[in-house]
Amino acid sequence: MRALRILTVIAVLLVPSAPALAQGCETFSGLPTPRFVTLKSGDVVGRAGPSRDHPARWRYQRAGLPVLIIAETPLWRRVEDPDGEQVWMLHSLLSGRRAVYARAQTDLMARADDEANLIARIEPGAILWLERCRAGWCRLSADGRRGWARADAFWGVYADEAGASPALEGAQNPCYRSLPEPAPLAAQAPDSASGPAR
């Protein structure tokens, strides 16, 4: 009987705990912060604090807009938008699918090369889905077009993704999980009755 108790204690000690399974990410979600995510819908309220009792600060009306999670509670995420505004959002309104926000006009090229064929011009404020980055270029898609663009033209790219190291392709934080969601990317016109819109 004593041997069974010892084996039980050893087995309990060897079973990984939830934080160990999250590979050292000590957040409520088990994912690292800061991390980029996107808005699931075209109507998301950003609040002054982590509850519905806090006043709304902004109404975001662009599905797919990338935001940076900088803090977490069990149900709420503090995020920073491309303009630097920080608000709280319910975690269920956010998607793990990555996108980028164009800070300046740039070109979408057929290959990760300035001399490649031009696929499209990307206007400031455009949102494109992010597939991967390597050597300072990111593979992006929007409106049925796919190609490569320089990473430094976008908000929503990590510093190591914007660098010029070819070893970055496929490298990810071990805590990062991408959630594929084939939702259409659409911008909506602001509704003047709903308060400030972003």
C-alpha atoms as a PDB file:
ATOM      1  CA  MET A   1       0.000   0.000   0.000  1.00  0.00           C
ATOM      2  CA  ARG A   2       2.866   2.372   0.835  1.00  0.00           C
ATOM      3  CA  ALA A   3       4.415   1.701  -2.597  1.00  0.00           C
ATOM      4  CA  LEU A   4       1.113   2.653  -4.282  1.00  0.00           C
ATOM      5  CA  ARG A   5       1.039   5.986  -2.420  1.00  0.00           C
ATOM      6  CA  ILE A   6       4.628   6.733  -3.441  1.00  0.00           C
ATOM      7  CA  LEU A   7       3.839   5.918  -7.081  1.00  0.00           C
ATOM      8  CA  THR A   8       0.738   8.150  -6.943  1.00  0.00           C
ATOM      9  CA  VAL A   9       2.772  11.078  -5.558  1.00  0.00           C
ATOM     10  CA  ILE A  10       5.455  10.584  -8.218  1.00  0.00           C
ATOM     11  CA  ALA A  11       2.814  10.435 -10.978  1.00  0.00           C
ATOM     12  CA  VAL A  12       1.189  13.650  -9.747  1.00  0.00           C
ATOM     13  CA  LEU A  13       4.558  15.405  -9.697  1.00  0.00           C
ATOM     14  CA  LEU A  14       5.390  14.256 -13.227  1.00  0.00           C
ATOM     15  CA  VAL A  15       2.079  15.363 -14.814  1.00  0.00           C
ATOM     16  CA  PRO A  16       2.558  18.835 -16.302  1.00  0.00           C
ATOM     17  CA  SER A  17       0.473  21.588 -14.773  1.00  0.00           C
ATOM     18  CA  ALA A  18      -1.571  24.043 -16.887  1.00  0.00           C
ATOM     19  CA  PRO A  19       1.153  26.751 -16.881  1.00  0.00           C
ATOM     20  CA  ALA A  20       3.714  24.152 -17.938  1.00  0.00           C
ATOM     21  CA  LEU A  21       1.450  23.115 -20.785  1.00  0.00           C
ATOM     22  CA  ALA A  22       1.233  26.773 -21.764  1.00  0.00           C
ATOM     23  CA  GLN A  23       5.023  26.690 -22.138  1.00  0.00           C
ATOM     24  CA  GLY A  24       5.761  29.357 -19.576  1.00  0.00           C
ATOM     25  CA  CYS A  25       3.145  31.914 -20.693  1.00  0.00           C
ATOM     26  CA  GLU A  26       1.831  33.194 -17.385  1.00  0.00           C
ATOM     27  CA  THR A  27      -1.340  34.879 -18.618  1.00  0.00           C
ATOM     28  CA  PHE A  28      -4.994  33.965 -18.213  1.00  0.00           C
ATOM     29  CA  SER A  29      -5.122  32.697 -21.802  1.00  0.00           C
ATOM     30  CA  GLY A  30      -1.793  30.885 -21.606  1.00  0.00           C
ATOM     31  CA  LEU A  31      -0.601  33.004 -24.553  1.00  0.00           C
ATOM     32  CA  PRO A  32       2.180  35.606 -24.439  1.00  0.00           C
ATOM     33  CA  THR A  33       1.685  39.335 -24.088  1.00  0.00           C
ATOM     34  CA  PRO A  34       2.130  41.497 -25.960  1.00  0.00           C
ATOM     35  CA  ARG A  35       0.632  39.716 -28.993  1.00  0.00           C
ATOM     36  CA  PHE A  36      -1.241  40.809 -32.102  1.00  0.00           C
ATOM     37  CA  VAL A  37      -4.836  39.718 -32.734  1.00  0.00           C
ATOM     38  CA  THR A  38      -7.700  41.075 -34.854  1.00  0.00           C
ATOM     39  CA  LEU A  39     -11.273  42.226 -34.301  1.00  0.00           C
ATOM     40  CA  LYS A  40     -13.812  39.515 -35.172  1.00  0.00           C
ATOM     41  CA  SER A  41     -16.582  41.871 -36.245  1.00  0.00           C
ATOM     42  CA  GLY A  42     -17.212  45.343 -37.544  1.00  0.00           C
ATOM     43  CA  ASP A  43     -18.821  46.526 -34.309  1.00  0.00           C
ATOM     44  CA  VAL A  44     -16.597  46.237 -31.234  1.00  0.00           C
ATOM     45  CA  VAL A  45     -16.748  48.531 -28.213  1.00  0.00           C
ATOM     46  CA  GLY A  46     -13.502  49.523 -26.483  1.00  0.00           C
ATOM     47  CA  ARG A  47     -14.067  50.396 -22.820  1.00  0.00           C
ATOM     48  CA  ALA A  48     -12.164  52.423 -20.230  1.00  0.00           C
ATOM     49  CA  GLY A  49     -11.850  49.369 -17.958  1.00  0.00           C
ATOM     50  CA  PRO A  50     -12.349  45.593 -17.868  1.00  0.00           C
ATOM     51  CA  SER A  51     -16.133  45.405 -17.392  1.00  0.00           C
ATOM     52  CA  ARG A  52     -19.347  46.536 -19.031  1.00  0.00           C
ATOM     53  CA  ASP A  53     -19.761  48.986 -16.149  1.00  0.00           C
ATOM     54  CA  HIS A  54     -16.895  51.059 -17.540  1.00  0.00           C
ATOM     55  CA  PRO A  55     -17.805  53.684 -20.138  1.00  0.00           C
ATOM     56  CA  ALA A  56     -17.271  53.046 -23.827  1.00  0.00           C
ATOM     57  CA  ARG A  57     -14.271  54.996 -25.148  1.00  0.00           C
ATOM     58  CA  TRP A  58     -14.344  53.931 -28.813  1.00  0.00           C
ATOM     59  CA  ARG A  59     -16.543  51.946 -31.167  1.00  0.00           C
ATOM     60  CA  TYR A  60     -14.402  50.050 -33.676  1.00  0.00           C
ATOM     61  CA  GLN A  61     -16.128  49.431 -36.983  1.00  0.00           C
ATOM     62  CA  ARG A  62     -13.543  47.513 -39.011  1.00  0.00           C
ATOM     63  CA  ALA A  63     -13.563  43.736 -38.897  1.00  0.00           C
ATOM     64  CA  GLY A  64     -10.024  42.412 -39.122  1.00  0.00           C
ATOM     65  CA  LEU A  65      -8.410  45.515 -37.573  1.00  0.00           C
ATOM     66  CA  PRO A  66      -5.184  44.397 -35.863  1.00  0.00           C
ATOM     67  CA  VAL A  67      -4.770  45.281 -32.187  1.00  0.00           C
ATOM     68  CA  LEU A  68      -2.006  44.491 -29.714  1.00  0.00           C
ATOM     69  CA  ILE A  69      -2.988  42.726 -26.479  1.00  0.00           C
ATOM     70  CA  ILE A  70      -0.910  44.240 -23.676  1.00  0.00           C
ATOM     71  CA  ALA A  71      -2.735  42.901 -20.583  1.00  0.00           C
ATOM     72  CA  GLU A  72      -5.356  40.305 -19.662  1.00  0.00           C
ATOM     73  CA  THR A  73      -8.011  39.459 -17.113  1.00  0.00           C
ATOM     74  CA  PRO A  74      -9.951  36.193 -17.369  1.00  0.00           C
ATOM     75  CA  LEU A  75     -12.575  37.723 -19.712  1.00  0.00           C
ATOM     76  CA  TRP A  76     -11.088  41.032 -20.870  1.00  0.00           C
ATOM     77  CA  ARG A  77      -8.050  42.084 -22.882  1.00  0.00           C
ATOM     78  CA  ARG A  78      -6.378  45.491 -22.761  1.00  0.00           C
ATOM     79  CA  VAL A  79      -5.459  46.323 -26.337  1.00  0.00           C
ATOM     80  CA  GLU A  80      -3.655  49.042 -28.226  1.00  0.00           C
ATOM     81  CA  ASP A  81      -4.951  50.034 -31.657  1.00  0.00           C
ATOM     82  CA  PRO A  82      -2.837  51.247 -34.620  1.00  0.00           C
ATOM     83  CA  ASP A  83      -3.264  54.876 -33.437  1.00  0.00           C
ATOM     84  CA  GLY A  84      -1.889  54.089 -29.968  1.00  0.00           C
ATOM     85  CA  GLU A  85      -5.248  54.248 -28.143  1.00  0.00           C
ATOM     86  CA  GLN A  86      -5.572  51.733 -25.306  1.00  0.00           C
ATOM     87  CA  VAL A  87      -8.959  50.241 -24.390  1.00  0.00           C
ATOM     88  CA  TRP A  88     -10.411  47.067 -22.880  1.00  0.00           C
ATOM     89  CA  MET A  89     -12.328  44.523 -25.009  1.00  0.00           C
ATOM     90  CA  LEU A  90     -14.074  41.241 -24.254  1.00  0.00           C
ATOM     91  CA  HIS A  91     -11.808  38.366 -25.279  1.00  0.00           C
ATOM     92  CA  SER A  92     -14.622  36.780 -27.308  1.00  0.00           C
ATOM     93  CA  LEU A  93     -14.560  39.771 -29.711  1.00  0.00           C
ATOM     94  CA  LEU A  94     -10.953  39.053 -30.717  1.00  0.00           C
ATOM     95  CA  SER A  95      -9.511  36.522 -33.149  1.00  0.00           C
ATOM     96  CA  GLY A  96      -6.069  34.946 -33.169  1.00  0.00           C
ATOM     97  CA  ARG A  97      -5.881  35.423 -36.925  1.00  0.00           C
ATOM     98  CA  ARG A  98      -3.205  37.974 -37.792  1.00  0.00           C
ATOM     99  CA  ALA A  99      -3.610  41.023 -40.015  1.00  0.00           C
ATOM    100  CA  VAL A 100      -1.615  44.183 -40.669  1.00  0.00           C
ATOM    101  CA  TYR A 101      -2.575  47.850 -41.013  1.00  0.00           C
ATOM    102  CA  ALA A 102      -0.773  49.887 -43.694  1.00  0.00           C
ATOM    103  CA  ARG A 103       0.881  52.982 -42.229  1.00  0.00           C
ATOM    104  CA  ALA A 104       1.983  54.315 -45.600  1.00  0.00           C
ATOM    105  CA  GLN A 105       1.448  53.606 -49.271  1.00  0.00           C
ATOM    106  CA  THR A 106       3.457  50.604 -50.388  1.00  0.00           C
ATOM    107  CA  ASP A 107       3.434  47.957 -53.092  1.00  0.00           C
ATOM    108  CA  LEU A 108       2.253  44.359 -53.048  1.00  0.00           C
ATOM    109  CA  MET A 109       4.778  42.404 -55.112  1.00  0.00           C
ATOM    110  CA  ALA A 110       4.708  38.921 -56.685  1.00  0.00           C
ATOM    111  CA  ARG A 111       7.872  37.943 -54.757  1.00  0.00           C
ATOM    112  CA  ALA A 112       9.829  39.293 -51.794  1.00  0.00           C
ATOM    113  CA  ASP A 113      11.897  41.458 -54.113  1.00  0.00           C
ATOM    114  CA  ASP A 114      11.707  45.142 -55.085  1.00  0.00           C
ATOM    115  CA  GLU A 115      12.193  44.148 -58.755  1.00  0.00           C
ATOM    116  CA  ALA A 116       9.302  41.621 -58.799  1.00  0.00           C
ATOM    117  CA  ASN A 117       6.043  42.229 -60.666  1.00  0.00           C
ATOM    118  CA  LEU A 118       3.645  44.664 -59.030  1.00  0.00           C
ATOM    119  CA  ILE A 119       0.359  43.062 -57.964  1.00  0.00           C
ATOM    120  CA  ALA A 120      -1.321  46.063 -56.301  1.00  0.00           C
ATOM    121  CA  ARG A 121      -0.705  49.388 -54.603  1.00  0.00           C
ATOM    122  CA  ILE A 122      -1.563  49.350 -50.905  1.00  0.00           C
ATOM    123  CA  GLU A 123      -3.080  52.584 -49.616  1.00  0.00           C
ATOM    124  CA  PRO A 124      -2.535  53.904 -46.073  1.00  0.00           C
ATOM    125  CA  GLY A 125      -5.158  52.475 -43.715  1.00  0.00           C
ATOM    126  CA  ALA A 126      -5.647  49.264 -45.707  1.00  0.00           C
ATOM    127  CA  ILE A 127      -5.964  46.009 -43.758  1.00  0.00           C
ATOM    128  CA  LEU A 128      -4.444  42.836 -45.174  1.00  0.00           C
ATOM    129  CA  TRP A 129      -4.316  39.307 -43.768  1.00  0.00           C
ATOM    130  CA  LEU A 130      -0.821  38.278 -42.665  1.00  0.00           C
ATOM    131  CA  GLU A 131       0.353  34.831 -43.756  1.00  0.00           C
ATOM    132  CA  ARG A 132       4.045  34.953 -42.766  1.00  0.00           C
ATOM    133  CA  CYS A 133       7.129  37.163 -42.717  1.00  0.00           C
ATOM    134  CA  ARG A 134      10.751  36.575 -43.640  1.00  0.00           C
ATOM    135  CA  ALA A 135      13.807  38.722 -44.258  1.00  0.00           C
ATOM    136  CA  GLY A 136      11.886  41.982 -43.758  1.00  0.00           C
ATOM    137  CA  TRP A 137       9.032  41.033 -46.131  1.00  0.00           C
ATOM    138  CA  CYS A 138       5.535  39.762 -45.303  1.00  0.00           C
ATOM    139  CA  ARG A 139       3.243  37.557 -47.390  1.00  0.00           C
ATOM    140  CA  LEU A 140      -0.169  39.217 -47.341  1.00  0.00           C
ATOM    141  CA  SER A 141      -3.602  38.751 -48.863  1.00  0.00           C
ATOM    142  CA  ALA A 142      -6.727  40.876 -49.371  1.00  0.00           C
ATOM    143  CA  ASP A 143      -9.579  41.010 -51.859  1.00  0.00           C
ATOM    144  CA  GLY A 144      -8.421  37.866 -53.661  1.00  0.00           C
ATOM    145  CA  ARG A 145      -4.855  39.143 -54.163  1.00  0.00           C
ATOM    146  CA  ARG A 146      -1.748  37.665 -52.552  1.00  0.00           C
ATOM    147  CA  GLY A 147       1.795  38.869 -52.562  1.00  0.00           C
ATOM    148  CA  TRP A 148       4.738  40.239 -50.626  1.00  0.00           C
ATOM    149  CA  ALA A 149       5.274  43.701 -49.125  1.00  0.00           C
ATOM    150  CA  ARG A 150       7.967  45.268 -46.969  1.00  0.00           C
ATOM    151  CA  ALA A 151       7.200  44.619 -43.303  1.00  0.00           C
ATOM    152  CA  ASP A 152       8.231  48.096 -42.140  1.00  0.00           C
ATOM    153  CA  ALA A 153       5.232  49.673 -43.936  1.00  0.00           C
ATOM    154  CA  PHE A 154       2.767  48.003 -41.557  1.00  0.00           C
ATOM    155  CA  TRP A 155       1.505  48.060 -37.994  1.00  0.00           C
ATOM    156  CA  GLY A 156       0.833  44.554 -36.688  1.00  0.00           C
ATOM    157  CA  VAL A 157       4.271  43.082 -37.390  1.00  0.00           C
ATOM    158  CA  TYR A 158       6.637  42.071 -34.573  1.00  0.00           C
ATOM    159  CA  ALA A 159      10.135  43.590 -34.586  1.00  0.00           C
ATOM    160  CA  ASP A 160      11.749  40.204 -35.275  1.00  0.00           C
ATOM    161  CA  GLU A 161       9.421  39.709 -38.268  1.00  0.00           C
ATOM    162  CA  ALA A 162      10.415  43.086 -39.739  1.00  0.00           C
ATOM    163  CA  GLY A 163      14.127  42.263 -39.462  1.00  0.00           C
ATOM    164  CA  ALA A 164      16.262  41.090 -42.357  1.00  0.00           C
ATOM    165  CA  SER A 165      17.063  37.607 -41.077  1.00  0.00           C
ATOM    166  CA  PRO A 166      16.154  34.749 -43.444  1.00  0.00           C
ATOM    167  CA  ALA A 167      16.006  32.433 -40.415  1.00  0.00           C
ATOM    168  CA  LEU A 168      12.782  34.120 -39.284  1.00  0.00           C
ATOM    169  CA  GLU A 169      10.536  32.285 -41.716  1.00  0.00           C
ATOM    170  CA  GLY A 170       8.429  29.859 -39.742  1.00  0.00           C
ATOM    171  CA  ALA A 171       9.871  30.970 -36.397  1.00  0.00           C
ATOM    172  CA  GLN A 172       7.190  31.702 -33.836  1.00  0.00           C
ATOM    173  CA  ASN A 173       6.963  32.225 -30.134  1.00  0.00           C
ATOM    174  CA  PRO A 174       6.301  28.732 -28.697  1.00  0.00           C
ATOM    175  CA  CYS A 175       3.215  30.123 -26.917  1.00  0.00           C
ATOM    176  CA  TYR A 176       1.706  31.606 -30.090  1.00  0.00           C
ATOM    177  CA  ARG A 177      -1.232  29.815 -31.699  1.00  0.00           C
ATOM    178  CA  SER A 178      -2.852  31.058 -34.876  1.00  0.00           C
ATOM    179  CA  LEU A 179      -6.579  30.492 -35.239  1.00  0.00           C
ATOM    180  CA  PRO A 180      -7.666  30.328 -38.877  1.00  0.00           C
ATOM    181  CA  GLU A 181     -10.938  32.123 -39.482  1.00  0.00           C
ATOM    182  CA  PRO A 182     -11.911  32.714 -43.116  1.00  0.00           C
ATOM    183  CA  ALA A 183     -14.083  35.756 -42.373  1.00  0.00           C
ATOM    184  CA  PRO A 184     -14.420  38.462 -45.017  1.00  0.00           C
ATOM    185  CA  LEU A 185     -12.468  41.656 -44.443  1.00  0.00           C
ATOM    186  CA  ALA A 186     -14.816  44.615 -44.670  1.00  0.00           C
ATOM    187  CA  ALA A 187     -14.801  48.191 -43.482  1.00  0.00           C
ATOM    188  CA  GLN A 188     -18.064  49.744 -42.383  1.00  0.00           C
ATOM    189  CA  ALA A 189     -19.091  53.369 -42.542  1.00  0.00           C
ATOM    190  CA  PRO A 190     -19.227  55.023 -39.101  1.00  0.00           C
ATOM    191  CA  ASP A 191     -22.640  55.523 -37.566  1.00  0.00           C
ATOM    192  CA  SER A 192     -22.795  59.054 -36.164  1.00  0.00           C
ATOM    193  CA  ALA A 193     -25.322  58.041 -33.509  1.00  0.00           C
ATOM    194  CA  SER A 194     -23.043  55.407 -31.959  1.00  0.00           C
ATOM    195  CA  GLY A 195     -20.373  57.754 -30.607  1.00  0.00           C
ATOM    196  CA  PRO A 196     -16.738  58.052 -31.649  1.00  0.00           C
ATOM    197  CA  ALA A 197     -15.716  55.475 -34.223  1.00  0.00           C
ATOM    198  CA  ARG A 198     -12.297  54.176 -35.233  1.00  0.00           C
END
